Amino acid sequence: MLGSVLSGGGGRRESPLESMAKSAARSVGSSMGRQIGNAVLRGVLGSMLKR
């Protein structure tokens, strides 16, 4: 269902190139999100421990 929403709901199969591009974008996005989450968590914990 989510795949059809992302691809515009068309019934066509995506090409291997599109599949690779989506996979790369997804992994970059999740990696960046994880780094940002870790930085925020570290900042919050650091400020709490300094008191």
Protein backbone atom coordinates (compact mmCIF):
# COMPACT_ATOMS: atom_id res chain seq x y z
CA MET A 1 0.00 0.00 0.00
CA LEU A 2 2.71 2.48 0.98
CA GLY A 3 4.67 1.64 -2.17
CA SER A 4 1.68 2.47 -4.36
CA VAL A 5 1.25 5.77 -2.54
CA LEU A 6 4.90 6.69 -3.05
CA SER A 7 4.90 5.72 -6.73
CA GLY A 8 1.74 7.68 -7.45
CA GLY A 9 -0.57 4.69 -7.41
CA GLY A 10 0.40 3.54 -10.91
CA GLY A 11 0.24 -0.18 -11.55
CA ARG A 12 3.58 -0.31 -13.38
CA ARG A 13 6.69 -2.00 -12.01
CA GLU A 14 9.60 0.27 -11.18
CA SER A 15 12.86 -0.21 -13.01
CA PRO A 16 15.91 -1.61 -11.19
CA LEU A 17 17.47 1.86 -11.37
CA GLU A 18 14.48 3.45 -9.65
CA SER A 19 14.52 0.70 -7.05
CA MET A 20 18.22 1.29 -6.33
CA ALA A 21 17.71 5.06 -6.12
CA LYS A 22 14.83 4.70 -3.67
CA SER A 23 16.78 2.25 -1.56
CA ALA A 24 19.81 4.56 -1.43
CA ALA A 25 17.67 7.57 -0.52
CA ARG A 26 15.94 5.56 2.20
CA SER A 27 19.21 4.39 3.74
CA VAL A 28 20.71 7.91 3.66
CA GLY A 29 17.57 9.31 5.26
CA SER A 30 17.48 6.74 8.04
CA SER A 31 21.20 7.17 8.71
CA MET A 32 20.83 10.95 8.97
CA GLY A 33 17.79 10.59 11.19
CA ARG A 34 19.66 8.26 13.50
CA GLN A 35 22.63 10.66 13.76
CA ILE A 36 20.36 13.62 14.48
CA GLY A 37 18.45 11.60 17.08
CA ASN A 38 21.68 10.56 18.78
CA ALA A 39 22.95 14.16 18.83
CA VAL A 40 19.71 15.43 20.37
CA LEU A 41 19.67 12.64 22.94
CA ARG A 42 23.32 13.29 23.83
CA GLY A 43 22.65 17.02 24.17
CA VAL A 44 19.67 16.48 26.46
CA LEU A 45 21.45 13.90 28.62
CA GLY A 46 24.59 16.05 28.75
CA SER A 47 22.68 19.11 29.92
CA MET A 48 20.87 17.06 32.56
CA LEU A 49 24.09 15.54 33.89
CA LYS A 50 25.92 18.90 34.09
CA ARG A 51 23.56 20.23 36.75
